[in-house]
Amino acid sequence: MAATQTSSKLVKQMNGIAATWTKDPFRPNLQLKTLWQSLATHPRLTAQSVRAARFLQDNEMYKQYPLSKKTLYPASSPAHYDRLVEAFEKSAKGIARPWWKVFFGIW
C-alpha cells in the first residue's frame, strides 16, 4: 500500500514537472515534456529520476557551478555569448539578420 502511494506521488510530481516544462521552438518534434510524461507512466519510476528532472528544471547546475565573467565574456570576443542568445531569441520569433549584416559581419 505504501509503495503504491509513493509511486502515485512520484507520478504526480513527474507530471507536474512535465506540465510546467517550456516548449522548445527549434525542435517541435522533440520535446522534453514528452519524455517526462512518458517517464511518469513508466512502471519503474524512481525518486532519483524525479529528483533529476526537478534538478534540470530548477537550473541547479548553473547555481551550483556558476560561470565566471572571464568565461562569459572572453577577451577575444566579449559580446559572443550575448550575441548568441540574442540570435536564438530572434530566431525563435522568426526574425533573421539581413544578408548585408551577415556579409559584412555586422551585429
C-alpha atoms as a PDB file:
ATOM      1  CA  MET A   1       0.000   0.000   0.000  1.00  0.00           C
ATOM      2  CA  ALA A   2       2.800   2.436   0.914  1.00  0.00           C
ATOM      3  CA  ALA A   3       4.650   1.609  -2.302  1.00  0.00           C
ATOM      4  CA  THR A   4       1.528   2.449  -4.338  1.00  0.00           C
ATOM      5  CA  GLN A   5       1.144   5.790  -2.552  1.00  0.00           C
ATOM      6  CA  THR A   6       4.807   6.582  -3.101  1.00  0.00           C
ATOM      7  CA  SER A   7       4.525   5.565  -6.744  1.00  0.00           C
ATOM      8  CA  SER A   8       1.444   7.724  -7.316  1.00  0.00           C
ATOM      9  CA  LYS A   9       3.190  10.636  -5.590  1.00  0.00           C
ATOM     10  CA  LEU A  10       6.181  10.245  -7.935  1.00  0.00           C
ATOM     11  CA  VAL A  11       3.869  10.084 -10.960  1.00  0.00           C
ATOM     12  CA  LYS A  12       2.124  13.258  -9.806  1.00  0.00           C
ATOM     13  CA  GLN A  13       5.452  15.052  -9.296  1.00  0.00           C
ATOM     14  CA  MET A  14       6.767  13.980 -12.710  1.00  0.00           C
ATOM     15  CA  ASN A  15       3.540  15.057 -14.408  1.00  0.00           C
ATOM     16  CA  GLY A  16       3.849  18.403 -12.626  1.00  0.00           C
ATOM     17  CA  ILE A  17       7.365  18.831 -13.985  1.00  0.00           C
ATOM     18  CA  ALA A  18       6.140  17.908 -17.481  1.00  0.00           C
ATOM     19  CA  ALA A  19       3.243  20.364 -17.263  1.00  0.00           C
ATOM     20  CA  THR A  20       5.492  23.307 -16.433  1.00  0.00           C
ATOM     21  CA  TRP A  21       8.290  22.472 -18.886  1.00  0.00           C
ATOM     22  CA  THR A  22       8.678  25.075 -21.630  1.00  0.00           C
ATOM     23  CA  LYS A  23       8.301  24.155 -25.282  1.00  0.00           C
ATOM     24  CA  ASP A  24      11.426  24.103 -27.465  1.00  0.00           C
ATOM     25  CA  PRO A  25      10.683  26.253 -30.541  1.00  0.00           C
ATOM     26  CA  PHE A  26      13.633  24.848 -32.508  1.00  0.00           C
ATOM     27  CA  ARG A  27      12.687  21.165 -32.240  1.00  0.00           C
ATOM     28  CA  PRO A  28       8.889  20.920 -32.260  1.00  0.00           C
ATOM     29  CA  ASN A  29       9.037  17.166 -32.888  1.00  0.00           C
ATOM     30  CA  LEU A  30      11.393  16.500 -29.946  1.00  0.00           C
ATOM     31  CA  GLN A  31      10.231  17.856 -26.603  1.00  0.00           C
ATOM     32  CA  LEU A  32      11.488  17.094 -23.107  1.00  0.00           C
ATOM     33  CA  LYS A  33       7.913  17.495 -21.908  1.00  0.00           C
ATOM     34  CA  THR A  34       7.035  14.331 -23.841  1.00  0.00           C
ATOM     35  CA  LEU A  35       9.933  12.475 -22.230  1.00  0.00           C
ATOM     36  CA  TRP A  36       8.830  13.489 -18.733  1.00  0.00           C
ATOM     37  CA  GLN A  37       5.243  12.418 -19.488  1.00  0.00           C
ATOM     38  CA  SER A  38       6.377   9.023 -20.729  1.00  0.00           C
ATOM     39  CA  LEU A  39       8.656   8.586 -17.707  1.00  0.00           C
ATOM     40  CA  ALA A  40       5.699   9.314 -15.438  1.00  0.00           C
ATOM     41  CA  THR A  41       3.904   6.291 -16.892  1.00  0.00           C
ATOM     42  CA  HIS A  42       6.938   4.015 -16.626  1.00  0.00           C
ATOM     43  CA  PRO A  43       6.371   1.219 -14.094  1.00  0.00           C
ATOM     44  CA  ARG A  44       9.868   1.569 -12.597  1.00  0.00           C
ATOM     45  CA  LEU A  45       9.816   5.333 -11.990  1.00  0.00           C
ATOM     46  CA  THR A  46      12.169   6.181  -9.132  1.00  0.00           C
ATOM     47  CA  ALA A  47      12.529   9.125  -6.797  1.00  0.00           C
ATOM     48  CA  GLN A  48      16.007   9.644  -8.249  1.00  0.00           C
ATOM     49  CA  SER A  49      14.510  10.169 -11.730  1.00  0.00           C
ATOM     50  CA  VAL A  50      12.045  12.721 -10.410  1.00  0.00           C
ATOM     51  CA  ARG A  51      14.829  14.464  -8.482  1.00  0.00           C
ATOM     52  CA  ALA A  52      16.989  14.631 -11.630  1.00  0.00           C
ATOM     53  CA  ALA A  53      14.148  16.144 -13.646  1.00  0.00           C
ATOM     54  CA  ARG A  54      13.496  18.702 -10.913  1.00  0.00           C
ATOM     55  CA  PHE A  55      17.232  19.449 -10.790  1.00  0.00           C
ATOM     56  CA  LEU A  56      17.170  20.267 -14.519  1.00  0.00           C
ATOM     57  CA  GLN A  57      14.000  22.312 -14.245  1.00  0.00           C
ATOM     58  CA  ASP A  58      15.331  24.442 -11.398  1.00  0.00           C
ATOM     59  CA  ASN A  59      18.651  25.047 -13.191  1.00  0.00           C
ATOM     60  CA  GLU A  60      20.597  23.728 -10.204  1.00  0.00           C
ATOM     61  CA  MET A  61      23.796  23.032 -12.151  1.00  0.00           C
ATOM     62  CA  TYR A  62      24.099  26.703 -13.075  1.00  0.00           C
ATOM     63  CA  LYS A  63      23.504  27.650  -9.445  1.00  0.00           C
ATOM     64  CA  GLN A  64      25.998  25.081  -8.171  1.00  0.00           C
ATOM     65  CA  TYR A  65      28.673  25.866 -10.783  1.00  0.00           C
ATOM     66  CA  PRO A  66      28.190  29.494 -11.874  1.00  0.00           C
ATOM     67  CA  LEU A  67      30.157  30.700 -14.877  1.00  0.00           C
ATOM     68  CA  SER A  68      32.761  33.366 -14.248  1.00  0.00           C
ATOM     69  CA  LYS A  69      32.831  36.708 -16.062  1.00  0.00           C
ATOM     70  CA  LYS A  70      36.023  35.559 -17.770  1.00  0.00           C
ATOM     71  CA  THR A  71      34.155  32.595 -19.261  1.00  0.00           C
ATOM     72  CA  LEU A  72      31.025  34.531 -20.205  1.00  0.00           C
ATOM     73  CA  TYR A  73      32.944  37.443 -21.727  1.00  0.00           C
ATOM     74  CA  PRO A  74      36.173  36.069 -23.271  1.00  0.00           C
ATOM     75  CA  ALA A  75      38.830  38.621 -24.143  1.00  0.00           C
ATOM     76  CA  SER A  76      38.855  37.596 -27.819  1.00  0.00           C
ATOM     77  CA  SER A  77      35.130  38.297 -28.288  1.00  0.00           C
ATOM     78  CA  PRO A  78      33.418  39.778 -25.212  1.00  0.00           C
ATOM     79  CA  ALA A  79      29.944  40.007 -26.795  1.00  0.00           C
ATOM     80  CA  HIS A  80      29.953  36.481 -28.283  1.00  0.00           C
ATOM     81  CA  TYR A  81      27.509  34.812 -25.870  1.00  0.00           C
ATOM     82  CA  ASP A  82      25.259  37.879 -25.680  1.00  0.00           C
ATOM     83  CA  ARG A  83      25.001  37.832 -29.476  1.00  0.00           C
ATOM     84  CA  LEU A  84      24.381  34.100 -29.457  1.00  0.00           C
ATOM     85  CA  VAL A  85      21.480  34.429 -27.002  1.00  0.00           C
ATOM     86  CA  GLU A  86      20.082  37.365 -28.979  1.00  0.00           C
ATOM     87  CA  ALA A  87      20.296  35.355 -32.217  1.00  0.00           C
ATOM     88  CA  PHE A  88      18.434  32.406 -30.658  1.00  0.00           C
ATOM     89  CA  GLU A  89      15.719  34.678 -29.277  1.00  0.00           C
ATOM     90  CA  LYS A  90      15.244  36.436 -32.612  1.00  0.00           C
ATOM     91  CA  SER A  91      15.341  33.142 -34.494  1.00  0.00           C
ATOM     92  CA  ALA A  92      12.589  31.758 -32.268  1.00  0.00           C
ATOM     93  CA  LYS A  93      10.480  34.778 -33.239  1.00  0.00           C
ATOM     94  CA  GLY A  94      11.289  34.307 -36.939  1.00  0.00           C
ATOM     95  CA  ILE A  95      13.456  37.431 -37.217  1.00  0.00           C
ATOM     96  CA  ALA A  96      16.527  36.950 -39.401  1.00  0.00           C
ATOM     97  CA  ARG A  97      19.555  39.191 -39.823  1.00  0.00           C
ATOM     98  CA  PRO A  98      19.663  40.966 -43.171  1.00  0.00           C
ATOM     99  CA  TRP A  99      22.052  39.421 -45.689  1.00  0.00           C
ATOM    100  CA  TRP A 100      24.268  42.502 -45.753  1.00  0.00           C
ATOM    101  CA  LYS A 101      24.833  42.335 -41.967  1.00  0.00           C
ATOM    102  CA  VAL A 102      25.834  38.694 -42.293  1.00  0.00           C
ATOM    103  CA  PHE A 103      28.081  39.501 -45.260  1.00  0.00           C
ATOM    104  CA  PHE A 104      29.880  42.378 -43.523  1.00  0.00           C
ATOM    105  CA  GLY A 105      29.883  40.722 -40.093  1.00  0.00           C
ATOM    106  CA  ILE A 106      27.795  43.477 -38.503  1.00  0.00           C
ATOM    107  CA  TRP A 107      25.616  42.741 -35.497  1.00  0.00           C
END
